[in-house]
Every structure is written in structure tokens, then in C-alpha cells.
Amino acid sequence: MHEDSILVSEDSEVQTAFAYAARQSGMSLRICEAADAASTLLRSEHFDVITVDCDDTYCGAGLLKSARESRANRRSVVLAILNDGIAEADALDMGANLVCSKPISPQEASRQMAAARFLSGPDLRKHPRLPVEVPVYLSFGDVQDRQETSTNIGIGGIGVRLAQPIDDDEVLRIRFRLPSTNIMIQAIGEITWADSEGRVGIRFLSVEPQIKTEIQRWVADSLRP
């Protein structure tokens, strides 16, 4: 599975604060000090939350725009950390969802991370995504039951590894069997992100209530010791 969040900062105090926040929130965190290395990551990997130290990282502000231009992270939540060099309004115009200013304490970092998790949607903040590989059958347009493989399953959606790309605007009919059960899940979904390795995140748009209940029960059973 992908890291949930990435921090781009050379500031050791910021790194310490957000490492604490990540532990408190249960999110994993990747720290990247160089903007060019982070830009490469953002083009190929998906992160639910992207935190950029704009003023104190060389070319950091440019990452706000490049993150939005990345297919893998176009819907990620972007948090901009400022230090008097960039105006808050400008950071928002560049693509930030949230803005905070230095100095950043661990407690403030935790508040910002909580806000980012809230904006990222109910599936991230409430529902775990369980890593599992099962056959998934996708239908869209004239394509019927194209077999792919899941990477994770949650109440709000499913991760899938595609052998061939699918257009972002396709409405998908999804069918798969819950692992270790005889329950066939059918849902309507949309692609919310995609990376360069063929992995996509699919959000369920329409699920029958009884089907959602079955997924909830399966997730609860899977998490039970």
C-alpha cells in the first residue's frame, strides 16, 4: 500500500512535529527534504495528504502546483506551511487546501493533520483499507467484466491494479467476491486517483445497503484478533 502522507521540508523541527502528528493520527509519513525528489514521487505515487514547507524548501512553492497537475494526486489534500515569504492567499491560489504558519508545534501539526484527514473524506478518516488481492471484474462503456486484481478493500471503495489504463471519467461497474466468503459484491464507482504503475483508487458511488453491510461485517471480522 502507499504511504498515507508525505512531508516536504528541510526543517528538522517541522519534521519532528509532523512525525508526532502522523503517529497520533495513525497515518504513515514519508519525509522528503528536496523539492525535486518530492516532485518525482508525486508524479508516480499517491498520497492522501501532501504537506509542503513552501518558504524554507528550495522551489517548495512550485510543488503546490505540480501536485495538482499529477494524475496520482489531483484529489489529495495539500497543506502549505508558510514562513512570511508567501502570502496565504497566494498559497491557496497555487492549490493548497489548508495553510499554517511557522513555528509549528507537535500539537499544531496534529490539528492540521486532523483537518487534512477530515477534508480527505470519510473513507480515510473512519474506515480502514485492508490490503488484499482478489480478482475484480470491471465493466465500462462497451467493455464487459475485464478482470483485474485488487490491492485493498474498504467500506468506501477499492484499490485495483490495472493491466491497461481506464479513462478517469468512466463510470465503472464493479464485481468481486469478498475474500474467504461466498458473497459477491456489485457496485458502481469512479476512479479518484491513479499512479504510474497502474494502481488506481476507486470510490463507490452506489452500493446497495445490504451489500454495504456485508462489506462492513467483512472488515470488522478481518480486524478482529
Protein backbone atom coordinates (compact mmCIF):
# COMPACT_ATOMS: atom_id res chain seq x y z
CA MET A 1 0.00 0.00 0.00
CA HIS A 2 1.04 3.63 -0.47
CA GLU A 3 2.17 5.95 2.27
CA ASP A 4 -0.82 7.94 3.51
CA SER A 5 1.07 11.22 3.71
CA ILE A 6 4.24 12.96 2.60
CA LEU A 7 6.07 15.91 4.14
CA VAL A 8 8.43 18.03 2.06
CA SER A 9 10.64 20.02 4.40
CA GLU A 10 14.29 20.56 5.31
CA ASP A 11 13.33 21.90 8.75
CA SER A 12 14.10 19.37 11.49
CA GLU A 13 11.56 20.94 13.86
CA VAL A 14 8.82 20.61 11.26
CA GLN A 15 9.85 17.03 10.58
CA THR A 16 9.67 16.19 14.28
CA ALA A 17 6.27 17.87 14.68
CA PHE A 18 4.67 16.06 11.75
CA ALA A 19 6.23 12.74 12.65
CA TYR A 20 4.48 13.12 16.02
CA ALA A 21 1.22 14.10 14.29
CA ALA A 22 1.39 11.10 11.98
CA ARG A 23 1.86 8.74 14.92
CA GLN A 24 -1.07 10.33 16.73
CA SER A 25 -3.35 10.08 13.70
CA GLY A 26 -2.33 6.57 12.67
CA MET A 27 -1.14 7.74 9.27
CA SER A 28 2.19 6.73 7.84
CA LEU A 29 4.52 9.55 6.83
CA ARG A 30 7.26 9.82 4.24
CA ILE A 31 9.68 12.72 4.74
CA CYS A 32 11.38 14.19 1.69
CA GLU A 33 13.76 17.13 2.06
CA ALA A 34 14.29 18.08 -1.60
CA ALA A 35 11.54 19.51 -3.77
CA ASP A 36 12.82 17.88 -6.97
CA ALA A 37 12.80 14.42 -5.38
CA ALA A 38 9.32 15.06 -3.99
CA SER A 39 8.10 16.17 -7.42
CA THR A 40 9.24 12.85 -8.87
CA LEU A 41 7.39 10.95 -6.15
CA LEU A 42 4.21 12.97 -6.66
CA ARG A 43 4.17 12.11 -10.35
CA SER A 44 4.27 8.37 -9.67
CA GLU A 45 2.79 7.67 -6.22
CA HIS A 46 -0.44 8.55 -4.49
CA PHE A 47 -0.58 10.28 -1.10
CA ASP A 48 -3.79 11.18 0.70
CA VAL A 49 -2.19 14.20 2.40
CA ILE A 50 0.69 16.28 0.99
CA THR A 51 2.40 18.78 3.31
CA VAL A 52 4.82 21.28 1.75
CA ASP A 53 7.15 23.63 3.63
CA CYS A 54 6.88 26.35 0.99
CA ASP A 55 9.20 29.13 2.16
CA ASP A 56 12.07 27.14 3.62
CA THR A 57 12.38 24.45 0.95
CA TYR A 58 14.03 25.44 -2.32
CA CYS A 59 11.28 25.57 -5.01
CA GLY A 60 8.82 24.33 -2.40
CA ALA A 61 6.04 26.65 -3.53
CA GLY A 62 6.19 25.15 -7.02
CA LEU A 63 5.19 21.80 -5.56
CA LEU A 64 1.73 23.13 -4.76
CA LYS A 65 1.01 23.48 -8.47
CA SER A 66 2.81 20.32 -9.57
CA ALA A 67 0.91 18.23 -7.01
CA ARG A 68 -2.35 19.37 -8.56
CA GLU A 69 -1.06 18.56 -12.05
CA SER A 70 -0.22 14.98 -11.05
CA ARG A 71 -2.82 12.39 -12.01
CA ALA A 72 -1.86 10.37 -8.97
CA ASN A 73 -2.57 13.21 -6.54
CA ARG A 74 -5.05 15.54 -8.18
CA ARG A 75 -7.57 14.97 -5.36
CA SER A 76 -5.12 14.78 -2.48
CA VAL A 77 -5.36 17.27 0.37
CA VAL A 78 -2.47 19.75 0.23
CA LEU A 79 -1.26 21.58 3.34
CA ALA A 80 1.09 24.56 2.86
CA ILE A 81 3.47 25.63 5.65
CA LEU A 82 4.46 29.30 5.37
CA ASN A 83 7.16 31.42 6.98
CA ASP A 84 6.34 35.01 5.85
CA GLY A 85 7.70 34.52 2.34
CA ILE A 86 4.42 33.60 0.61
CA ALA A 87 1.01 35.10 1.35
CA GLU A 88 -1.74 32.75 2.50
CA ALA A 89 -4.00 33.80 -0.40
CA ASP A 90 -1.23 33.02 -2.90
CA ALA A 91 -0.68 29.57 -1.40
CA LEU A 92 -4.40 28.84 -1.72
CA ASP A 93 -4.35 30.06 -5.33
CA MET A 94 -1.46 27.69 -6.04
CA GLY A 95 -3.52 24.71 -4.93
CA ALA A 96 -3.28 24.41 -1.15
CA ASN A 97 -6.39 23.30 0.73
CA LEU A 98 -5.01 24.30 4.13
CA VAL A 99 -2.40 26.80 5.28
CA CYS A 100 -0.47 27.15 8.53
CA SER A 101 2.49 29.26 9.62
CA LYS A 102 5.71 28.59 11.48
CA PRO A 103 6.63 27.88 14.17
CA ILE A 104 4.84 24.50 14.13
CA SER A 105 4.47 22.65 17.41
CA PRO A 106 3.62 18.93 17.53
CA GLN A 107 0.16 19.89 18.79
CA GLU A 108 -0.41 22.31 15.91
CA ALA A 109 0.82 19.72 13.43
CA SER A 110 -1.69 17.27 14.90
CA ARG A 111 -4.51 19.78 14.47
CA GLN A 112 -3.53 20.40 10.87
CA MET A 113 -3.26 16.68 10.15
CA ALA A 114 -6.71 16.11 11.65
CA ALA A 115 -8.14 18.84 9.42
CA ALA A 116 -6.46 17.32 6.36
CA ARG A 117 -7.84 13.89 7.20
CA PHE A 118 -11.32 15.38 7.53
CA LEU A 119 -11.08 17.01 4.10
CA SER A 120 -9.76 13.81 2.54
CA GLY A 121 -13.12 12.14 3.05
CA PRO A 122 -14.98 9.67 5.25
CA ASP A 123 -13.25 6.55 3.93
CA LEU A 124 -9.81 7.76 5.08
CA ARG A 125 -10.83 9.19 8.45
CA LYS A 126 -13.21 6.42 9.53
CA HIS A 127 -12.72 3.26 7.54
CA PRO A 128 -9.56 1.20 7.20
CA ARG A 129 -8.46 -0.13 3.82
CA LEU A 130 -7.37 -3.72 4.12
CA PRO A 131 -4.63 -4.95 1.76
CA VAL A 132 -5.90 -7.95 -0.16
CA GLU A 133 -5.54 -9.36 -3.68
CA VAL A 134 -8.67 -10.85 -5.29
CA PRO A 135 -9.97 -10.88 -8.86
CA VAL A 136 -12.05 -7.80 -9.67
CA TYR A 137 -14.28 -7.55 -12.74
CA LEU A 138 -14.76 -4.08 -14.23
CA SER A 139 -17.34 -3.12 -16.85
CA PHE A 140 -17.49 0.28 -18.56
CA GLY A 141 -18.62 1.51 -21.94
CA ASP A 142 -18.50 -1.47 -24.31
CA VAL A 143 -16.14 -3.41 -22.03
CA GLN A 144 -17.66 -6.23 -20.02
CA ASP A 145 -16.09 -7.93 -16.99
CA ARG A 146 -12.46 -7.04 -17.59
CA GLN A 147 -10.52 -8.94 -14.94
CA GLU A 148 -8.07 -7.01 -12.79
CA THR A 149 -6.62 -7.51 -9.29
CA SER A 150 -7.45 -5.63 -6.10
CA THR A 151 -4.79 -4.07 -3.87
CA ASN A 152 -7.06 -3.17 -0.95
CA ILE A 153 -10.74 -3.16 0.00
CA GLY A 154 -12.62 -0.77 2.29
CA ILE A 155 -16.19 0.24 3.01
CA GLY A 156 -15.94 3.32 0.78
CA GLY A 157 -14.02 1.87 -2.14
CA ILE A 158 -11.41 -0.46 -3.54
CA GLY A 159 -7.85 -0.22 -4.81
CA VAL A 160 -7.12 -2.01 -8.08
CA ARG A 161 -4.00 -2.72 -10.14
CA LEU A 162 -4.85 -2.28 -13.83
CA ALA A 163 -3.20 -4.17 -16.68
CA GLN A 164 -4.39 -1.42 -19.05
CA PRO A 165 -5.40 2.16 -18.19
CA ILE A 166 -9.00 3.31 -17.95
CA ASP A 167 -10.16 6.87 -18.66
CA ASP A 168 -10.74 8.85 -15.49
CA ASP A 169 -14.28 9.86 -16.43
CA GLU A 170 -15.57 6.32 -16.93
CA VAL A 171 -18.33 5.13 -14.61
CA LEU A 172 -17.33 1.62 -13.55
CA ARG A 173 -19.50 -1.36 -12.75
CA ILE A 174 -17.52 -3.37 -10.23
CA ARG A 175 -17.90 -7.00 -9.24
CA PHE A 176 -15.76 -9.05 -6.86
CA ARG A 177 -16.10 -11.73 -4.21
CA LEU A 178 -15.25 -10.82 -0.63
CA PRO A 179 -12.23 -12.86 0.46
CA SER A 180 -12.98 -16.04 2.42
CA THR A 181 -16.72 -15.72 1.74
CA ASN A 182 -19.25 -16.62 -0.96
CA ILE A 183 -20.54 -13.04 -1.05
CA MET A 184 -20.41 -11.36 -4.44
CA ILE A 185 -20.13 -7.56 -4.24
CA GLN A 186 -21.52 -5.39 -7.00
CA ALA A 187 -21.17 -1.61 -7.01
CA ILE A 188 -20.89 1.48 -9.20
CA GLY A 189 -17.70 3.51 -8.81
CA GLU A 190 -15.36 6.16 -10.17
CA ILE A 191 -11.58 6.47 -10.33
CA THR A 192 -10.34 9.08 -7.85
CA TRP A 193 -6.58 8.69 -8.37
CA ALA A 194 -4.10 6.73 -10.45
CA ASP A 195 -0.33 6.27 -10.39
CA SER A 196 2.29 5.46 -13.00
CA GLU A 197 2.38 1.77 -12.03
CA GLY A 198 -1.24 1.10 -12.99
CA ARG A 199 -2.70 1.30 -9.49
CA VAL A 200 -5.95 3.22 -9.08
CA GLY A 201 -8.28 4.12 -6.26
CA ILE A 202 -11.97 3.58 -6.95
CA ARG A 203 -14.65 5.24 -4.83
CA PHE A 204 -18.01 3.53 -4.55
CA LEU A 205 -20.77 5.81 -5.84
CA SER A 206 -23.67 3.41 -5.47
CA VAL A 207 -23.86 0.34 -3.25
CA GLU A 208 -26.98 -1.50 -2.14
CA PRO A 209 -27.50 -1.17 1.64
CA GLN A 210 -27.26 -4.92 2.20
CA ILE A 211 -24.00 -5.04 0.21
CA LYS A 212 -22.52 -2.22 2.29
CA THR A 213 -23.50 -4.14 5.41
CA GLU A 214 -21.69 -7.23 4.14
CA ILE A 215 -18.52 -5.22 3.47
CA GLN A 216 -18.72 -3.66 6.93
CA ARG A 217 -19.11 -7.10 8.51
CA TRP A 218 -16.17 -8.47 6.50
CA VAL A 219 -13.93 -5.54 7.51
CA ALA A 220 -14.88 -5.97 11.19
CA ASP A 221 -14.18 -9.74 11.04
CA SER A 222 -10.84 -9.14 9.30
CA LEU A 223 -9.74 -6.69 12.00
CA ARG A 224 -10.81 -8.91 14.87
CA PRO A 225 -7.81 -10.59 16.60
